[in-house]
């Protein structure tokens, strides 16, 4: 994968990045994250092994000279020392360290099992840092209805359609702005979504989505379009940008007093998933397919229960009213 962006990477890393993009179908952003994580690891090792002058700033340590022999000398002890360095020096939080562990695991598994360039995997026993699982923020059913009721203005039908798709289909921001007119199929019965890693999925549209799309298409601009395929059009007659969608979502959230409270476009995705699970009793495996998750573990965060549900469960215990007799 000899691109200008990764030109400073050693060949043994470039080959891996190419494998991620072409074979595994990872998105450019994901490939970039792997590159950044592994570059940090290589720089740390060169510094620790005194292979670079102490005067060279960490961010300027070259990695183009990393070889297979260099990687053969990696030990699990070194990796744990690296994790300590990330914690103490770089102040990485558990989630960030966990991602770097995942990058190391994937890379050394590739070298050991996929291309057989290493005889043994030094990070096979590496443990993942424990992360505190926080429940995703989402709108209640009442808040979601209130949000939709606030839509107005010259682009009301477009904005309403956008919010409706977010709240019903649980798509990502990048997926929504990437929608084309031709992705609406079968007389608005289904929607083709291109997700992470260019993975395609088909989502069935409910009555609310079909109605919102129909109303929007009646007013969607047709003349002077920069991108005639784009489903959602900006006031500049271009494909709507992620920034514009973020702005309009924040604007409507502010109108129901949910601005500045950690609510965002992605929280609408959480809302769709939570409402489907809690009110529709959707099977977690079906929800995984709708959301386009690669692993079921990612979807399982939506199996959380609301505080009210937990309170009701406790109150329903037959011993709930039993008190000690004097």
C-alpha atoms as a PDB file:
ATOM      1  CA  UNK A   1       0.000   0.000   0.000  1.00  0.00           C
ATOM      2  CA  UNK A   2       2.384   2.612  -1.216  1.00  0.00           C
ATOM      3  CA  UNK A   3       0.461   5.820  -0.778  1.00  0.00           C
ATOM      4  CA  UNK A   4       1.909   9.235  -0.034  1.00  0.00           C
ATOM      5  CA  UNK A   5       0.182   9.161   3.362  1.00  0.00           C
ATOM      6  CA  UNK A   6       2.007   6.016   4.470  1.00  0.00           C
ATOM      7  CA  UNK A   7       5.237   6.599   2.538  1.00  0.00           C
ATOM      8  CA  UNK A   8       7.228   6.850   5.775  1.00  0.00           C
ATOM      9  CA  UNK A   9       5.946   3.488   6.973  1.00  0.00           C
ATOM     10  CA  UNK A  10       8.204   0.436   6.631  1.00  0.00           C
ATOM     11  CA  UNK A  11       7.227  -2.062   3.952  1.00  0.00           C
ATOM     12  CA  UNK A  12       6.215  -4.614   6.562  1.00  0.00           C
ATOM     13  CA  UNK A  13       3.633  -2.147   7.882  1.00  0.00           C
ATOM     14  CA  UNK A  14       2.505  -0.947   4.437  1.00  0.00           C
ATOM     15  CA  UNK A  15       1.692  -4.527   3.459  1.00  0.00           C
ATOM     16  CA  UNK A  16      -0.487  -4.876   6.563  1.00  0.00           C
ATOM     17  CA  UNK A  17      -2.329  -1.607   5.892  1.00  0.00           C
ATOM     18  CA  UNK A  18      -2.993  -2.749   2.346  1.00  0.00           C
ATOM     19  CA  UNK A  19      -4.365  -6.049   3.671  1.00  0.00           C
ATOM     20  CA  UNK A  20      -6.735  -4.171   5.994  1.00  0.00           C
ATOM     21  CA  UNK A  21      -8.105  -2.021   3.192  1.00  0.00           C
ATOM     22  CA  UNK A  22      -8.314  -4.474   0.297  1.00  0.00           C
ATOM     23  CA  UNK A  23      -8.902  -7.851   1.973  1.00  0.00           C
ATOM     24  CA  UNK A  24     -10.669  -6.881   5.208  1.00  0.00           C
ATOM     25  CA  UNK A  25     -12.524  -3.942   3.651  1.00  0.00           C
ATOM     26  CA  UNK A  26     -11.673  -1.524   6.456  1.00  0.00           C
ATOM     27  CA  UNK A  27     -12.519   2.144   5.931  1.00  0.00           C
ATOM     28  CA  UNK A  28      -9.720   4.694   5.303  1.00  0.00           C
ATOM     29  CA  UNK A  29     -10.322   6.155   8.779  1.00  0.00           C
ATOM     30  CA  UNK A  30      -9.905   2.754  10.426  1.00  0.00           C
ATOM     31  CA  UNK A  31      -6.713   2.048   8.441  1.00  0.00           C
ATOM     32  CA  UNK A  32      -5.377   5.435   9.533  1.00  0.00           C
ATOM     33  CA  UNK A  33      -6.062   4.549  13.185  1.00  0.00           C
ATOM     34  CA  UNK A  34      -4.105   1.299  12.853  1.00  0.00           C
ATOM     35  CA  UNK A  35      -1.221   3.185  11.272  1.00  0.00           C
ATOM     36  CA  UNK A  36      -1.186   5.823  14.025  1.00  0.00           C
ATOM     37  CA  UNK A  37      -1.346   3.225  16.804  1.00  0.00           C
ATOM     38  CA  UNK A  38       1.467   1.081  15.373  1.00  0.00           C
ATOM     39  CA  UNK A  39       3.636   4.104  14.596  1.00  0.00           C
ATOM     40  CA  UNK A  40       3.382   5.151  18.251  1.00  0.00           C
ATOM     41  CA  UNK A  41       4.397   1.633  19.330  1.00  0.00           C
ATOM     42  CA  UNK A  42       7.393   1.534  16.970  1.00  0.00           C
ATOM     43  CA  UNK A  43       8.563   4.962  18.100  1.00  0.00           C
ATOM     44  CA  UNK A  44       8.330   3.905  21.736  1.00  0.00           C
ATOM     45  CA  UNK A  45      10.398   0.772  21.086  1.00  0.00           C
ATOM     46  CA  UNK A  46      13.091   2.681  19.203  1.00  0.00           C
ATOM     47  CA  UNK A  47      13.317   5.189  22.039  1.00  0.00           C
ATOM     48  CA  UNK A  48      13.368   2.497  24.737  1.00  0.00           C
ATOM     49  CA  UNK A  49      16.009   0.443  22.937  1.00  0.00           C
ATOM     50  CA  UNK A  50      18.197   3.554  22.541  1.00  0.00           C
ATOM     51  CA  UNK A  51      18.036   3.349  18.758  1.00  0.00           C
ATOM     52  CA  UNK A  52      17.413   7.049  18.413  1.00  0.00           C
ATOM     53  CA  UNK A  53      19.069  10.110  19.909  1.00  0.00           C
ATOM     54  CA  UNK A  54      17.381  11.460  23.089  1.00  0.00           C
ATOM     55  CA  UNK A  55      17.315  14.875  21.398  1.00  0.00           C
ATOM     56  CA  UNK A  56      14.902  13.671  18.703  1.00  0.00           C
ATOM     57  CA  UNK A  57      11.294  14.606  19.610  1.00  0.00           C
ATOM     58  CA  UNK A  58       9.009  11.594  19.938  1.00  0.00           C
ATOM     59  CA  UNK A  59       6.756  12.759  17.084  1.00  0.00           C
ATOM     60  CA  UNK A  60       9.764  12.957  14.752  1.00  0.00           C
ATOM     61  CA  UNK A  61      11.193   9.498  15.386  1.00  0.00           C
ATOM     62  CA  UNK A  62      11.303   7.774  11.969  1.00  0.00           C
ATOM     63  CA  UNK A  63       9.873   4.280  11.595  1.00  0.00           C
ATOM     64  CA  UNK A  64      10.836   3.555   7.975  1.00  0.00           C
ATOM     65  CA  UNK A  65      13.754   1.410   9.167  1.00  0.00           C
ATOM     66  CA  UNK A  66      11.616  -1.053  11.170  1.00  0.00           C
ATOM     67  CA  UNK A  67      12.405  -4.596  10.026  1.00  0.00           C
ATOM     68  CA  UNK A  68      11.173  -8.102  10.681  1.00  0.00           C
ATOM     69  CA  UNK A  69      14.231  -8.739  12.890  1.00  0.00           C
ATOM     70  CA  UNK A  70      13.240  -5.700  14.966  1.00  0.00           C
ATOM     71  CA  UNK A  71       9.748  -7.171  15.481  1.00  0.00           C
ATOM     72  CA  UNK A  72      11.092 -10.633  16.330  1.00  0.00           C
ATOM     73  CA  UNK A  73      12.683  -9.119  19.443  1.00  0.00           C
ATOM     74  CA  UNK A  74       9.381  -7.767  20.785  1.00  0.00           C
ATOM     75  CA  UNK A  75       8.483  -9.332  24.142  1.00  0.00           C
ATOM     76  CA  UNK A  76       5.282  -9.335  26.143  1.00  0.00           C
ATOM     77  CA  UNK A  77       7.137  -7.536  28.941  1.00  0.00           C
ATOM     78  CA  UNK A  78       8.044  -4.740  26.534  1.00  0.00           C
ATOM     79  CA  UNK A  79       4.429  -4.432  25.478  1.00  0.00           C
ATOM     80  CA  UNK A  80       3.233  -4.153  29.078  1.00  0.00           C
ATOM     81  CA  UNK A  81       5.866  -1.482  29.683  1.00  0.00           C
ATOM     82  CA  UNK A  82       4.492   0.287  26.629  1.00  0.00           C
ATOM     83  CA  UNK A  83       0.987   0.145  28.094  1.00  0.00           C
ATOM     84  CA  UNK A  84       2.329   1.687  31.288  1.00  0.00           C
ATOM     85  CA  UNK A  85       3.989   4.410  29.204  1.00  0.00           C
ATOM     86  CA  UNK A  86       0.635   5.141  27.531  1.00  0.00           C
ATOM     87  CA  UNK A  87      -1.004   5.475  30.937  1.00  0.00           C
ATOM     88  CA  UNK A  88       1.620   7.496  32.800  1.00  0.00           C
ATOM     89  CA  UNK A  89       3.280   9.590  30.107  1.00  0.00           C
ATOM     90  CA  UNK A  90       0.685   9.959  27.370  1.00  0.00           C
ATOM     91  CA  UNK A  91      -2.301   9.951  29.787  1.00  0.00           C
ATOM     92  CA  UNK A  92      -4.288   7.616  27.535  1.00  0.00           C
ATOM     93  CA  UNK A  93      -7.645   6.569  28.944  1.00  0.00           C
ATOM     94  CA  UNK A  94      -8.636   2.870  29.121  1.00  0.00           C
ATOM     95  CA  UNK A  95     -10.681   3.102  25.909  1.00  0.00           C
ATOM     96  CA  UNK A  96      -7.702   4.526  23.998  1.00  0.00           C
ATOM     97  CA  UNK A  97      -5.327   1.908  25.429  1.00  0.00           C
ATOM     98  CA  UNK A  98      -7.830  -0.799  24.588  1.00  0.00           C
ATOM     99  CA  UNK A  99      -7.849   0.297  20.957  1.00  0.00           C
ATOM    100  CA  UNK A 100      -4.045   0.231  20.837  1.00  0.00           C
ATOM    101  CA  UNK A 101      -4.064  -3.297  22.279  1.00  0.00           C
ATOM    102  CA  UNK A 102      -6.489  -4.306  19.540  1.00  0.00           C
ATOM    103  CA  UNK A 103      -4.197  -2.797  16.885  1.00  0.00           C
ATOM    104  CA  UNK A 104      -1.177  -4.701  18.231  1.00  0.00           C
ATOM    105  CA  UNK A 105      -3.118  -7.961  18.424  1.00  0.00           C
ATOM    106  CA  UNK A 106      -4.400  -7.653  14.858  1.00  0.00           C
ATOM    107  CA  UNK A 107      -0.978  -6.744  13.477  1.00  0.00           C
ATOM    108  CA  UNK A 108       0.977  -9.529  15.164  1.00  0.00           C
ATOM    109  CA  UNK A 109      -1.756 -12.063  14.380  1.00  0.00           C
ATOM    110  CA  UNK A 110      -1.414 -11.031  10.729  1.00  0.00           C
ATOM    111  CA  UNK A 111       2.380 -11.470  10.839  1.00  0.00           C
ATOM    112  CA  UNK A 112       2.117 -14.826  12.614  1.00  0.00           C
ATOM    113  CA  UNK A 113      -0.963 -16.517  11.159  1.00  0.00           C
ATOM    114  CA  UNK A 114      -1.728 -14.786   7.856  1.00  0.00           C
ATOM    115  CA  UNK A 115       1.663 -14.287   6.216  1.00  0.00           C
ATOM    116  CA  UNK A 116       3.782 -16.553   8.473  1.00  0.00           C
ATOM    117  CA  UNK A 117       6.583 -14.016   8.841  1.00  0.00           C
ATOM    118  CA  UNK A 118       6.854 -14.504  12.612  1.00  0.00           C
ATOM    119  CA  UNK A 119       7.256 -17.878  14.304  1.00  0.00           C
ATOM    120  CA  UNK A 120       5.495 -16.824  17.526  1.00  0.00           C
ATOM    121  CA  UNK A 121       3.055 -14.095  18.512  1.00  0.00           C
ATOM    122  CA  UNK A 122       4.487 -11.966  21.370  1.00  0.00           C
ATOM    123  CA  UNK A 123       1.123 -10.378  22.231  1.00  0.00           C
ATOM    124  CA  UNK A 124      -0.985 -13.545  22.224  1.00  0.00           C
ATOM    125  CA  UNK A 125      -1.436 -13.333  26.012  1.00  0.00           C
ATOM    126  CA  UNK A 126      -1.810  -9.552  26.110  1.00  0.00           C
ATOM    127  CA  UNK A 127      -4.813  -8.525  28.210  1.00  0.00           C
ATOM    128  CA  UNK A 128      -7.164  -5.744  27.229  1.00  0.00           C
ATOM    129  CA  UNK A 129      -7.444  -2.825  29.707  1.00  0.00           C
ATOM    130  CA  UNK A 130     -10.755  -2.853  31.520  1.00  0.00           C
ATOM    131  CA  UNK A 131     -13.034  -0.069  30.374  1.00  0.00           C
ATOM    132  CA  UNK A 132     -16.023   1.274  32.204  1.00  0.00           C
ATOM    133  CA  UNK A 133     -19.064   0.576  30.063  1.00  0.00           C
ATOM    134  CA  UNK A 134     -21.260   3.643  30.123  1.00  0.00           C
ATOM    135  CA  UNK A 135     -24.791   3.407  28.837  1.00  0.00           C
ATOM    136  CA  UNK A 136     -25.415   5.326  25.598  1.00  0.00           C
ATOM    137  CA  UNK A 137     -27.438   8.508  25.830  1.00  0.00           C
ATOM    138  CA  UNK A 138     -30.714   8.425  23.983  1.00  0.00           C
ATOM    139  CA  UNK A 139     -33.979  10.290  23.686  1.00  0.00           C
ATOM    140  CA  UNK A 140     -37.098   8.928  25.322  1.00  0.00           C
ATOM    141  CA  UNK A 141     -40.095   8.218  23.104  1.00  0.00           C
ATOM    142  CA  UNK A 142     -41.685  11.472  24.283  1.00  0.00           C
ATOM    143  CA  UNK A 143     -38.525  13.471  23.511  1.00  0.00           C
ATOM    144  CA  UNK A 144     -38.244  11.897  20.054  1.00  0.00           C
ATOM    145  CA  UNK A 145     -41.839  12.881  19.267  1.00  0.00           C
ATOM    146  CA  UNK A 146     -41.195  16.394  20.587  1.00  0.00           C
ATOM    147  CA  UNK A 147     -38.068  16.678  18.408  1.00  0.00           C
ATOM    148  CA  UNK A 148     -39.987  15.782  15.244  1.00  0.00           C
ATOM    149  CA  UNK A 149     -42.729  18.268  16.156  1.00  0.00           C
ATOM    150  CA  UNK A 150     -40.192  21.126  16.251  1.00  0.00           C
ATOM    151  CA  UNK A 151     -39.184  20.839  12.586  1.00  0.00           C
ATOM    152  CA  UNK A 152     -40.049  23.921  10.552  1.00  0.00           C
ATOM    153  CA  UNK A 153     -38.563  26.434   8.129  1.00  0.00           C
ATOM    154  CA  UNK A 154     -37.840  26.421   4.371  1.00  0.00           C
ATOM    155  CA  UNK A 155     -36.177  22.988   4.543  1.00  0.00           C
ATOM    156  CA  UNK A 156     -38.743  21.447   6.884  1.00  0.00           C
ATOM    157  CA  UNK A 157     -39.564  18.426   4.686  1.00  0.00           C
ATOM    158  CA  UNK A 158     -35.887  17.653   4.172  1.00  0.00           C
ATOM    159  CA  UNK A 159     -35.018  18.076   7.833  1.00  0.00           C
ATOM    160  CA  UNK A 160     -38.033  16.040   8.937  1.00  0.00           C
ATOM    161  CA  UNK A 161     -37.018  13.224   6.597  1.00  0.00           C
ATOM    162  CA  UNK A 162     -33.462  13.258   7.928  1.00  0.00           C
ATOM    163  CA  UNK A 163     -34.587  13.092  11.573  1.00  0.00           C
ATOM    164  CA  UNK A 164     -37.135  10.397  10.748  1.00  0.00           C
ATOM    165  CA  UNK A 165     -34.517   8.173   9.110  1.00  0.00           C
ATOM    166  CA  UNK A 166     -32.112   8.657  12.017  1.00  0.00           C
ATOM    167  CA  UNK A 167     -34.781   7.845  14.601  1.00  0.00           C
ATOM    168  CA  UNK A 168     -36.287   4.883  12.752  1.00  0.00           C
ATOM    169  CA  UNK A 169     -33.380   3.262  10.917  1.00  0.00           C
ATOM    170  CA  UNK A 170     -30.535   4.031  13.325  1.00  0.00           C
ATOM    171  CA  UNK A 171     -28.083   4.873  10.565  1.00  0.00           C
ATOM    172  CA  UNK A 172     -24.745   6.596  11.039  1.00  0.00           C
ATOM    173  CA  UNK A 173     -24.109  10.204   9.971  1.00  0.00           C
ATOM    174  CA  UNK A 174     -21.752   9.114   7.171  1.00  0.00           C
ATOM    175  CA  UNK A 175     -24.352   6.639   5.931  1.00  0.00           C
ATOM    176  CA  UNK A 176     -27.100   9.261   5.757  1.00  0.00           C
ATOM    177  CA  UNK A 177     -25.101  11.890   3.870  1.00  0.00           C
ATOM    178  CA  UNK A 178     -23.915   9.177   1.465  1.00  0.00           C
ATOM    179  CA  UNK A 179     -27.441   8.156   0.462  1.00  0.00           C
ATOM    180  CA  UNK A 180     -28.358   8.418  -3.216  1.00  0.00           C
ATOM    181  CA  UNK A 181     -31.826   8.720  -4.735  1.00  0.00           C
ATOM    182  CA  UNK A 182     -31.356   5.259  -6.259  1.00  0.00           C
ATOM    183  CA  UNK A 183     -30.811   3.797  -2.777  1.00  0.00           C
ATOM    184  CA  UNK A 184     -34.541   4.219  -2.138  1.00  0.00           C
ATOM    185  CA  UNK A 185     -35.904   1.029  -3.691  1.00  0.00           C
ATOM    186  CA  UNK A 186     -39.097  -0.901  -4.325  1.00  0.00           C
ATOM    187  CA  UNK A 187     -41.399   2.117  -4.347  1.00  0.00           C
ATOM    188  CA  UNK A 188     -39.831   3.328  -1.074  1.00  0.00           C
ATOM    189  CA  UNK A 189     -40.149  -0.061   0.615  1.00  0.00           C
ATOM    190  CA  UNK A 190     -36.429  -0.531   1.312  1.00  0.00           C
ATOM    191  CA  UNK A 191     -33.285   1.541   1.665  1.00  0.00           C
ATOM    192  CA  UNK A 192     -29.791   0.496   0.581  1.00  0.00           C
ATOM    193  CA  UNK A 193     -27.185   1.711   3.083  1.00  0.00           C
ATOM    194  CA  UNK A 194     -23.440   1.666   2.519  1.00  0.00           C
ATOM    195  CA  UNK A 195     -21.865   1.211   5.934  1.00  0.00           C
ATOM    196  CA  UNK A 196     -18.385   0.917   7.421  1.00  0.00           C
ATOM    197  CA  UNK A 197     -15.858  -0.866   5.232  1.00  0.00           C
ATOM    198  CA  UNK A 198     -18.187  -0.375   2.231  1.00  0.00           C
ATOM    199  CA  UNK A 199     -20.479  -3.082   3.599  1.00  0.00           C
ATOM    200  CA  UNK A 200     -23.919  -2.881   2.059  1.00  0.00           C
ATOM    201  CA  UNK A 201     -27.122  -3.606   3.935  1.00  0.00           C
ATOM    202  CA  UNK A 202     -30.802  -3.299   3.106  1.00  0.00           C
ATOM    203  CA  UNK A 203     -33.164  -1.768   5.669  1.00  0.00           C
ATOM    204  CA  UNK A 204     -36.940  -2.054   5.378  1.00  0.00           C
ATOM    205  CA  UNK A 205     -38.736   1.274   5.669  1.00  0.00           C
ATOM    206  CA  UNK A 206     -41.760   1.695   7.919  1.00  0.00           C
ATOM    207  CA  UNK A 207     -44.734   3.908   7.134  1.00  0.00           C
ATOM    208  CA  UNK A 208     -43.218   6.991   8.799  1.00  0.00           C
ATOM    209  CA  UNK A 209     -40.035   6.713   6.701  1.00  0.00           C
ATOM    210  CA  UNK A 210     -41.914   6.071   3.455  1.00  0.00           C
ATOM    211  CA  UNK A 211     -44.163   9.064   4.057  1.00  0.00           C
ATOM    212  CA  UNK A 212     -41.235  11.351   4.991  1.00  0.00           C
ATOM    213  CA  UNK A 213     -39.244  10.328   1.899  1.00  0.00           C
ATOM    214  CA  UNK A 214     -42.280  10.812  -0.377  1.00  0.00           C
ATOM    215  CA  UNK A 215     -42.926  14.311   0.988  1.00  0.00           C
ATOM    216  CA  UNK A 216     -39.267  15.281   0.697  1.00  0.00           C
ATOM    217  CA  UNK A 217     -38.863  13.992  -2.865  1.00  0.00           C
ATOM    218  CA  UNK A 218     -41.779  16.222  -3.911  1.00  0.00           C
ATOM    219  CA  UNK A 219     -39.747  19.322  -2.964  1.00  0.00           C
ATOM    220  CA  UNK A 220     -36.182  18.041  -3.547  1.00  0.00           C
ATOM    221  CA  UNK A 221     -34.340  20.366  -5.975  1.00  0.00           C
ATOM    222  CA  UNK A 222     -33.840  18.958  -9.471  1.00  0.00           C
ATOM    223  CA  UNK A 223     -32.119  21.744 -11.414  1.00  0.00           C
ATOM    224  CA  UNK A 224     -28.521  22.955 -11.110  1.00  0.00           C
ATOM    225  CA  UNK A 225     -27.431  20.151  -8.825  1.00  0.00           C
ATOM    226  CA  UNK A 226     -23.707  19.564  -8.316  1.00  0.00           C
ATOM    227  CA  UNK A 227     -24.394  15.918  -7.455  1.00  0.00           C
ATOM    228  CA  UNK A 228     -27.586  14.724  -9.152  1.00  0.00           C
ATOM    229  CA  UNK A 229     -27.428  11.360  -7.381  1.00  0.00           C
ATOM    230  CA  UNK A 230     -27.407  12.730  -3.832  1.00  0.00           C
ATOM    231  CA  UNK A 231     -30.622  12.137  -1.897  1.00  0.00           C
ATOM    232  CA  UNK A 232     -30.274  15.036   0.519  1.00  0.00           C
ATOM    233  CA  UNK A 233     -29.405  18.406  -1.005  1.00  0.00           C
ATOM    234  CA  UNK A 234     -28.011  21.489   0.724  1.00  0.00           C
ATOM    235  CA  UNK A 235     -29.091  25.053  -0.002  1.00  0.00           C
ATOM    236  CA  UNK A 236     -25.981  25.325  -2.239  1.00  0.00           C
ATOM    237  CA  UNK A 237     -27.481  22.546  -4.393  1.00  0.00           C
ATOM    238  CA  UNK A 238     -24.724  20.142  -3.301  1.00  0.00           C
ATOM    239  CA  UNK A 239     -24.852  16.833  -1.472  1.00  0.00           C
ATOM    240  CA  UNK A 240     -25.601  17.750   2.132  1.00  0.00           C
ATOM    241  CA  UNK A 241     -22.454  17.720   4.286  1.00  0.00           C
ATOM    242  CA  UNK A 242     -21.973  16.014   7.659  1.00  0.00           C
ATOM    243  CA  UNK A 243     -21.424  19.450   9.209  1.00  0.00           C
ATOM    244  CA  UNK A 244     -24.784  20.714   7.932  1.00  0.00           C
ATOM    245  CA  UNK A 245     -26.600  17.669   9.279  1.00  0.00           C
ATOM    246  CA  UNK A 246     -24.878  18.047  12.648  1.00  0.00           C
ATOM    247  CA  UNK A 247     -25.918  21.707  12.733  1.00  0.00           C
ATOM    248  CA  UNK A 248     -29.591  21.072  11.974  1.00  0.00           C
ATOM    249  CA  UNK A 249     -29.813  18.213  14.484  1.00  0.00           C
ATOM    250  CA  UNK A 250     -28.247  20.393  17.190  1.00  0.00           C
ATOM    251  CA  UNK A 251     -30.628  23.205  16.301  1.00  0.00           C
ATOM    252  CA  UNK A 252     -33.711  21.058  16.829  1.00  0.00           C
ATOM    253  CA  UNK A 253     -32.283  19.401  19.940  1.00  0.00           C
ATOM    254  CA  UNK A 254     -31.765  22.878  21.417  1.00  0.00           C
ATOM    255  CA  UNK A 255     -35.441  23.607  20.870  1.00  0.00           C
ATOM    256  CA  UNK A 256     -36.358  20.753  23.214  1.00  0.00           C
ATOM    257  CA  UNK A 257     -33.669  21.790  25.725  1.00  0.00           C
ATOM    258  CA  UNK A 258     -31.252  18.971  24.927  1.00  0.00           C
ATOM    259  CA  UNK A 259     -28.390  21.117  23.668  1.00  0.00           C
ATOM    260  CA  UNK A 260     -25.081  20.892  25.480  1.00  0.00           C
ATOM    261  CA  UNK A 261     -26.106  17.738  27.314  1.00  0.00           C
ATOM    262  CA  UNK A 262     -24.026  15.284  25.318  1.00  0.00           C
ATOM    263  CA  UNK A 263     -26.738  14.803  22.714  1.00  0.00           C
ATOM    264  CA  UNK A 264     -25.725  14.687  19.069  1.00  0.00           C
ATOM    265  CA  UNK A 265     -26.435  13.037  15.729  1.00  0.00           C
ATOM    266  CA  UNK A 266     -25.029   9.747  17.019  1.00  0.00           C
ATOM    267  CA  UNK A 267     -27.423   9.871  19.959  1.00  0.00           C
ATOM    268  CA  UNK A 268     -30.284   9.629  17.465  1.00  0.00           C
ATOM    269  CA  UNK A 269     -28.790   6.316  16.318  1.00  0.00           C
ATOM    270  CA  UNK A 270     -28.723   5.211  19.962  1.00  0.00           C
ATOM    271  CA  UNK A 271     -32.324   6.357  20.274  1.00  0.00           C
ATOM    272  CA  UNK A 272     -33.499   4.275  17.311  1.00  0.00           C
ATOM    273  CA  UNK A 273     -31.758   1.173  18.642  1.00  0.00           C
ATOM    274  CA  UNK A 274     -33.058   1.660  22.187  1.00  0.00           C
ATOM    275  CA  UNK A 275     -36.649   2.312  21.116  1.00  0.00           C
ATOM    276  CA  UNK A 276     -36.651  -0.752  18.859  1.00  0.00           C
ATOM    277  CA  UNK A 277     -35.257  -2.913  21.635  1.00  0.00           C
ATOM    278  CA  UNK A 278     -37.325  -1.593  24.532  1.00  0.00           C
ATOM    279  CA  UNK A 279     -40.648  -0.949  22.799  1.00  0.00           C
ATOM    280  CA  UNK A 280     -40.525  -3.298  19.845  1.00  0.00           C
ATOM    281  CA  UNK A 281     -38.859  -6.203  21.669  1.00  0.00           C
ATOM    282  CA  UNK A 282     -36.588  -6.665  18.643  1.00  0.00           C
ATOM    283  CA  UNK A 283     -34.234  -9.642  18.796  1.00  0.00           C
ATOM    284  CA  UNK A 284     -30.675  -8.491  19.455  1.00  0.00           C
ATOM    285  CA  UNK A 285     -29.406 -10.345  16.363  1.00  0.00           C
ATOM    286  CA  UNK A 286     -31.933  -8.584  14.152  1.00  0.00           C
ATOM    287  CA  UNK A 287     -30.929  -5.261  15.703  1.00  0.00           C
ATOM    288  CA  UNK A 288     -27.291  -6.061  14.871  1.00  0.00           C
ATOM    289  CA  UNK A 289     -28.174  -6.404  11.175  1.00  0.00           C
ATOM    290  CA  UNK A 290     -30.261  -3.211  11.125  1.00  0.00           C
ATOM    291  CA  UNK A 291     -27.463  -1.165  12.710  1.00  0.00           C
ATOM    292  CA  UNK A 292     -24.737  -2.718  10.579  1.00  0.00           C
ATOM    293  CA  UNK A 293     -22.624  -3.860  13.527  1.00  0.00           C
ATOM    294  CA  UNK A 294     -19.814  -6.288  12.785  1.00  0.00           C
ATOM    295  CA  UNK A 295     -19.929  -7.929  16.222  1.00  0.00           C
ATOM    296  CA  UNK A 296     -22.908  -8.834  18.385  1.00  0.00           C
ATOM    297  CA  UNK A 297     -21.017  -7.524  21.415  1.00  0.00           C
ATOM    298  CA  UNK A 298     -21.312  -3.979  20.046  1.00  0.00           C
ATOM    299  CA  UNK A 299     -25.080  -4.306  19.809  1.00  0.00           C
ATOM    300  CA  UNK A 300     -25.473  -5.742  23.293  1.00  0.00           C
ATOM    301  CA  UNK A 301     -25.056  -2.301  24.860  1.00  0.00           C
ATOM    302  CA  UNK A 302     -28.679  -1.677  23.826  1.00  0.00           C
ATOM    303  CA  UNK A 303     -29.923  -4.447  26.075  1.00  0.00           C
ATOM    304  CA  UNK A 304     -29.622  -2.017  28.969  1.00  0.00           C
ATOM    305  CA  UNK A 305     -32.787  -1.289  30.886  1.00  0.00           C
ATOM    306  CA  UNK A 306     -34.152   2.113  31.740  1.00  0.00           C
ATOM    307  CA  UNK A 307     -34.176   3.178  35.387  1.00  0.00           C
ATOM    308  CA  UNK A 308     -37.957   3.014  35.360  1.00  0.00           C
ATOM    309  CA  UNK A 309     -37.935  -0.569  34.113  1.00  0.00           C
ATOM    310  CA  UNK A 310     -35.465  -1.567  36.812  1.00  0.00           C
ATOM    311  CA  UNK A 311     -37.534   0.182  39.463  1.00  0.00           C
ATOM    312  CA  UNK A 312     -40.689  -1.564  38.251  1.00  0.00           C
ATOM    313  CA  UNK A 313     -38.904  -4.914  38.370  1.00  0.00           C
ATOM    314  CA  UNK A 314     -37.912  -4.377  41.996  1.00  0.00           C
ATOM    315  CA  UNK A 315     -41.403  -3.204  42.924  1.00  0.00           C
ATOM    316  CA  UNK A 316     -42.955  -6.287  41.317  1.00  0.00           C
ATOM    317  CA  UNK A 317     -41.065  -8.617  43.635  1.00  0.00           C
ATOM    318  CA  UNK A 318     -43.689 -10.451  45.795  1.00  0.00           C
ATOM    319  CA  UNK A 319     -41.581  -9.608  48.847  1.00  0.00           C
ATOM    320  CA  UNK A 320     -41.644  -5.889  48.065  1.00  0.00           C
ATOM    321  CA  UNK A 321     -44.220  -5.061  50.768  1.00  0.00           C
ATOM    322  CA  UNK A 322     -43.134  -7.552  53.413  1.00  0.00           C
ATOM    323  CA  UNK A 323     -41.978  -5.743  56.580  1.00  0.00           C
ATOM    324  CA  UNK A 324     -40.462  -7.021  59.803  1.00  0.00           C
ATOM    325  CA  UNK A 325     -43.061  -7.622  62.465  1.00  0.00           C
ATOM    326  CA  UNK A 326     -42.546  -6.094  65.880  1.00  0.00           C
END
